């Protein structure tokens, strides 16, 4: 897991395939970007723009992905994202290759605050629980870029 300023994204070029195309896409995003899917490099790298209201942590499940890495880029609002290594979580819904997702329960190792101007990058070994708040709900709009781990 990596959390950093969006201004530092280029420095992770060796870890994030297709970083130039990703940065080009992100630079064109704003709170006015329409919700939906955007192909960046076909099915190898694509983005989803969506929005939601954050909820209490007990309303969300932990998740991880095997085929894709996730790059989260908040555009508006604030959310709490919980992080733990997958090996420390207990599977509650088996891995589904159709949506590249497995769900878990467990305790968090770190609590991350996601806001505009930063990015959060999750590898397949990173369990994450998203769309959460601690005190009061926030309306969030963000980009999640899926980057296939196998090319």
C-alpha atoms as a PDB file:
ATOM      1  CA  UNK A   1       0.000   0.000   0.000  1.00  0.00           C
ATOM      2  CA  UNK A   2       1.200   3.477  -0.871  1.00  0.00           C
ATOM      3  CA  UNK A   3      -0.319   6.782   0.223  1.00  0.00           C
ATOM      4  CA  UNK A   4       1.247   9.941  -1.150  1.00  0.00           C
ATOM      5  CA  UNK A   5       0.634  13.307  -2.773  1.00  0.00           C
ATOM      6  CA  UNK A   6      -0.661  13.091  -6.324  1.00  0.00           C
ATOM      7  CA  UNK A   7       2.284  15.356  -7.212  1.00  0.00           C
ATOM      8  CA  UNK A   8       4.604  12.439  -6.375  1.00  0.00           C
ATOM      9  CA  UNK A   9       2.833   9.845  -8.564  1.00  0.00           C
ATOM     10  CA  UNK A  10       5.499   9.971 -11.303  1.00  0.00           C
ATOM     11  CA  UNK A  11       8.155   8.872  -8.782  1.00  0.00           C
ATOM     12  CA  UNK A  12       6.436   5.457  -8.570  1.00  0.00           C
ATOM     13  CA  UNK A  13       6.954   4.751 -12.255  1.00  0.00           C
ATOM     14  CA  UNK A  14       8.831   1.491 -11.597  1.00  0.00           C
ATOM     15  CA  UNK A  15       5.946   0.125  -9.475  1.00  0.00           C
ATOM     16  CA  UNK A  16       2.925   1.274 -11.462  1.00  0.00           C
ATOM     17  CA  UNK A  17       2.706   0.068 -15.074  1.00  0.00           C
ATOM     18  CA  UNK A  18       1.407   2.622 -17.580  1.00  0.00           C
ATOM     19  CA  UNK A  19       2.033   5.573 -15.283  1.00  0.00           C
ATOM     20  CA  UNK A  20       2.360   8.084 -18.142  1.00  0.00           C
ATOM     21  CA  UNK A  21      -1.086   7.240 -19.562  1.00  0.00           C
ATOM     22  CA  UNK A  22      -2.548   7.144 -16.055  1.00  0.00           C
ATOM     23  CA  UNK A  23      -1.162  10.579 -15.195  1.00  0.00           C
ATOM     24  CA  UNK A  24      -2.472  11.979 -18.464  1.00  0.00           C
ATOM     25  CA  UNK A  25      -5.960  10.666 -17.641  1.00  0.00           C
ATOM     26  CA  UNK A  26      -5.890  11.916 -14.043  1.00  0.00           C
ATOM     27  CA  UNK A  27      -4.763  15.389 -15.116  1.00  0.00           C
ATOM     28  CA  UNK A  28      -8.020  15.724 -17.065  1.00  0.00           C
ATOM     29  CA  UNK A  29     -10.231  14.719 -14.136  1.00  0.00           C
ATOM     30  CA  UNK A  30     -12.159  17.083 -11.894  1.00  0.00           C
ATOM     31  CA  UNK A  31     -15.354  17.144  -9.878  1.00  0.00           C
ATOM     32  CA  UNK A  32     -17.076  17.724 -13.252  1.00  0.00           C
ATOM     33  CA  UNK A  33     -15.844  14.442 -14.779  1.00  0.00           C
ATOM     34  CA  UNK A  34     -18.841  12.248 -15.607  1.00  0.00           C
ATOM     35  CA  UNK A  35     -19.292   9.021 -13.667  1.00  0.00           C
ATOM     36  CA  UNK A  36     -18.517   5.859 -15.615  1.00  0.00           C
ATOM     37  CA  UNK A  37     -15.782   3.686 -17.029  1.00  0.00           C
ATOM     38  CA  UNK A  38     -12.892   5.094 -19.060  1.00  0.00           C
ATOM     39  CA  UNK A  39     -10.431   2.918 -20.953  1.00  0.00           C
ATOM     40  CA  UNK A  40      -6.853   4.100 -20.507  1.00  0.00           C
ATOM     41  CA  UNK A  41      -5.122   1.110 -22.106  1.00  0.00           C
ATOM     42  CA  UNK A  42      -7.973  -1.243 -23.054  1.00  0.00           C
ATOM     43  CA  UNK A  43      -8.720  -3.841 -20.378  1.00  0.00           C
ATOM     44  CA  UNK A  44      -5.134  -3.613 -19.100  1.00  0.00           C
ATOM     45  CA  UNK A  45      -5.686  -0.235 -17.452  1.00  0.00           C
ATOM     46  CA  UNK A  46      -9.064   1.419 -17.003  1.00  0.00           C
ATOM     47  CA  UNK A  47     -10.662   3.943 -14.689  1.00  0.00           C
ATOM     48  CA  UNK A  48     -14.016   4.146 -12.972  1.00  0.00           C
ATOM     49  CA  UNK A  49     -15.298   7.513 -11.825  1.00  0.00           C
ATOM     50  CA  UNK A  50     -18.075   7.341  -9.254  1.00  0.00           C
ATOM     51  CA  UNK A  51     -19.536   9.053  -6.232  1.00  0.00           C
ATOM     52  CA  UNK A  52     -21.235   8.031  -3.012  1.00  0.00           C
ATOM     53  CA  UNK A  53     -21.926   9.036   0.558  1.00  0.00           C
ATOM     54  CA  UNK A  54     -19.622   7.465   3.119  1.00  0.00           C
ATOM     55  CA  UNK A  55     -21.098   5.080   5.701  1.00  0.00           C
ATOM     56  CA  UNK A  56     -20.160   3.663   9.097  1.00  0.00           C
ATOM     57  CA  UNK A  57     -17.317   1.103   8.894  1.00  0.00           C
ATOM     58  CA  UNK A  58     -19.516  -1.810  10.032  1.00  0.00           C
ATOM     59  CA  UNK A  59     -21.624  -1.363   6.870  1.00  0.00           C
ATOM     60  CA  UNK A  60     -18.686  -2.181   4.571  1.00  0.00           C
ATOM     61  CA  UNK A  61     -16.673  -5.348   3.937  1.00  0.00           C
ATOM     62  CA  UNK A  62     -12.960  -5.754   3.458  1.00  0.00           C
ATOM     63  CA  UNK A  63     -11.924  -6.531  -0.116  1.00  0.00           C
ATOM     64  CA  UNK A  64      -8.896  -7.427  -2.176  1.00  0.00           C
ATOM     65  CA  UNK A  65      -8.179  -8.152  -5.828  1.00  0.00           C
ATOM     66  CA  UNK A  66      -5.869 -10.701  -7.429  1.00  0.00           C
ATOM     67  CA  UNK A  67      -5.788  -9.630 -11.071  1.00  0.00           C
ATOM     68  CA  UNK A  68      -5.690  -5.848 -10.594  1.00  0.00           C
ATOM     69  CA  UNK A  69      -3.974  -3.261  -8.476  1.00  0.00           C
ATOM     70  CA  UNK A  70      -6.091  -0.288  -7.398  1.00  0.00           C
ATOM     71  CA  UNK A  71      -5.108   3.356  -7.647  1.00  0.00           C
ATOM     72  CA  UNK A  72      -7.609   5.554  -5.764  1.00  0.00           C
ATOM     73  CA  UNK A  73      -7.628   9.283  -6.522  1.00  0.00           C
ATOM     74  CA  UNK A  74     -10.135  11.350  -4.503  1.00  0.00           C
ATOM     75  CA  UNK A  75     -11.665  14.276  -6.397  1.00  0.00           C
ATOM     76  CA  UNK A  76     -14.007  15.637  -3.715  1.00  0.00           C
ATOM     77  CA  UNK A  77     -15.023  14.838  -0.144  1.00  0.00           C
ATOM     78  CA  UNK A  78     -13.249  12.826   2.506  1.00  0.00           C
ATOM     79  CA  UNK A  79     -13.360   9.144   3.328  1.00  0.00           C
ATOM     80  CA  UNK A  80     -11.696   6.772   5.732  1.00  0.00           C
ATOM     81  CA  UNK A  81     -10.105   3.703   4.204  1.00  0.00           C
ATOM     82  CA  UNK A  82      -9.026   0.887   6.471  1.00  0.00           C
ATOM     83  CA  UNK A  83      -5.991  -1.201   5.512  1.00  0.00           C
ATOM     84  CA  UNK A  84      -4.650  -4.600   6.599  1.00  0.00           C
ATOM     85  CA  UNK A  85      -2.585  -7.313   4.932  1.00  0.00           C
ATOM     86  CA  UNK A  86      -4.864  -9.929   3.376  1.00  0.00           C
ATOM     87  CA  UNK A  87      -3.010 -12.629   5.319  1.00  0.00           C
ATOM     88  CA  UNK A  88      -4.377 -11.121   8.551  1.00  0.00           C
ATOM     89  CA  UNK A  89      -8.007 -11.141   7.375  1.00  0.00           C
ATOM     90  CA  UNK A  90     -10.540 -14.018   7.300  1.00  0.00           C
ATOM     91  CA  UNK A  91     -12.280 -14.697   3.982  1.00  0.00           C
ATOM     92  CA  UNK A  92     -16.080 -14.517   4.162  1.00  0.00           C
ATOM     93  CA  UNK A  93     -16.865 -14.592   0.423  1.00  0.00           C
ATOM     94  CA  UNK A  94     -14.589 -16.676  -1.801  1.00  0.00           C
ATOM     95  CA  UNK A  95     -12.669 -15.068  -4.612  1.00  0.00           C
ATOM     96  CA  UNK A  96     -14.811 -14.421  -7.689  1.00  0.00           C
ATOM     97  CA  UNK A  97     -12.745 -14.158 -10.895  1.00  0.00           C
ATOM     98  CA  UNK A  98     -15.653 -12.481 -12.727  1.00  0.00           C
ATOM     99  CA  UNK A  99     -15.333  -9.331 -10.612  1.00  0.00           C
ATOM    100  CA  UNK A 100     -11.784  -9.980  -9.329  1.00  0.00           C
ATOM    101  CA  UNK A 101     -12.854  -9.624  -5.728  1.00  0.00           C
ATOM    102  CA  UNK A 102     -12.721 -11.509  -2.439  1.00  0.00           C
ATOM    103  CA  UNK A 103     -14.384 -10.249   0.739  1.00  0.00           C
ATOM    104  CA  UNK A 104     -13.131 -10.539   4.307  1.00  0.00           C
ATOM    105  CA  UNK A 105     -13.680  -9.644   7.923  1.00  0.00           C
ATOM    106  CA  UNK A 106     -11.017  -8.659  10.407  1.00  0.00           C
ATOM    107  CA  UNK A 107      -9.230  -5.864  12.204  1.00  0.00           C
ATOM    108  CA  UNK A 108      -7.474  -2.976  10.574  1.00  0.00           C
ATOM    109  CA  UNK A 109      -3.767  -2.264  10.801  1.00  0.00           C
ATOM    110  CA  UNK A 110      -3.962   1.327   9.573  1.00  0.00           C
ATOM    111  CA  UNK A 111      -6.665   3.934   9.122  1.00  0.00           C
ATOM    112  CA  UNK A 112      -6.138   6.168   6.099  1.00  0.00           C
ATOM    113  CA  UNK A 113      -7.818   9.502   5.427  1.00  0.00           C
ATOM    114  CA  UNK A 114      -8.416   9.968   1.696  1.00  0.00           C
ATOM    115  CA  UNK A 115      -8.798  13.537   0.416  1.00  0.00           C
ATOM    116  CA  UNK A 116      -8.232  15.575  -2.729  1.00  0.00           C
ATOM    117  CA  UNK A 117      -4.574  15.969  -3.693  1.00  0.00           C
ATOM    118  CA  UNK A 118      -3.410  12.498  -2.754  1.00  0.00           C
ATOM    119  CA  UNK A 119      -3.519   8.971  -4.100  1.00  0.00           C
ATOM    120  CA  UNK A 120      -3.787   5.576  -2.462  1.00  0.00           C
ATOM    121  CA  UNK A 121      -2.341   2.533  -4.213  1.00  0.00           C
ATOM    122  CA  UNK A 122      -3.317  -1.006  -3.213  1.00  0.00           C
ATOM    123  CA  UNK A 123      -1.454  -4.143  -4.296  1.00  0.00           C
ATOM    124  CA  UNK A 124      -3.196  -7.562  -4.401  1.00  0.00           C
ATOM    125  CA  UNK A 125      -1.903  -8.372  -0.888  1.00  0.00           C
ATOM    126  CA  UNK A 126      -3.562  -5.231   0.523  1.00  0.00           C
ATOM    127  CA  UNK A 127      -6.963  -5.685   2.101  1.00  0.00           C
ATOM    128  CA  UNK A 128      -8.933  -2.459   2.086  1.00  0.00           C
ATOM    129  CA  UNK A 129     -12.292  -1.313   3.389  1.00  0.00           C
ATOM    130  CA  UNK A 130     -13.467   1.798   1.542  1.00  0.00           C
ATOM    131  CA  UNK A 131     -16.383   4.266   1.601  1.00  0.00           C
ATOM    132  CA  UNK A 132     -16.215   4.747   5.381  1.00  0.00           C
ATOM    133  CA  UNK A 133     -16.467   7.652   7.798  1.00  0.00           C
ATOM    134  CA  UNK A 134     -15.811   7.868  11.524  1.00  0.00           C
ATOM    135  CA  UNK A 135     -18.044  10.758  12.621  1.00  0.00           C
ATOM    136  CA  UNK A 136     -20.281  12.068   9.880  1.00  0.00           C
ATOM    137  CA  UNK A 137     -21.000  11.174   6.278  1.00  0.00           C
ATOM    138  CA  UNK A 138     -19.235  12.922   3.409  1.00  0.00           C
ATOM    139  CA  UNK A 139     -20.128  12.959  -0.262  1.00  0.00           C
ATOM    140  CA  UNK A 140     -17.142  11.586  -2.171  1.00  0.00           C
ATOM    141  CA  UNK A 141     -16.286  11.570  -5.835  1.00  0.00           C
ATOM    142  CA  UNK A 142     -13.213   9.654  -6.879  1.00  0.00           C
ATOM    143  CA  UNK A 143     -11.388   7.834  -9.602  1.00  0.00           C
ATOM    144  CA  UNK A 144     -10.325   4.224  -9.138  1.00  0.00           C
ATOM    145  CA  UNK A 145      -7.867   3.009 -11.737  1.00  0.00           C
ATOM    146  CA  UNK A 146      -7.558  -0.744 -12.202  1.00  0.00           C
ATOM    147  CA  UNK A 147      -4.166  -1.951 -13.395  1.00  0.00           C
ATOM    148  CA  UNK A 148      -3.901  -5.597 -14.385  1.00  0.00           C
ATOM    149  CA  UNK A 149      -1.078  -7.455 -12.634  1.00  0.00           C
ATOM    150  CA  UNK A 150      -0.625  -9.793 -15.599  1.00  0.00           C
ATOM    151  CA  UNK A 151      -0.035  -8.411 -19.086  1.00  0.00           C
END
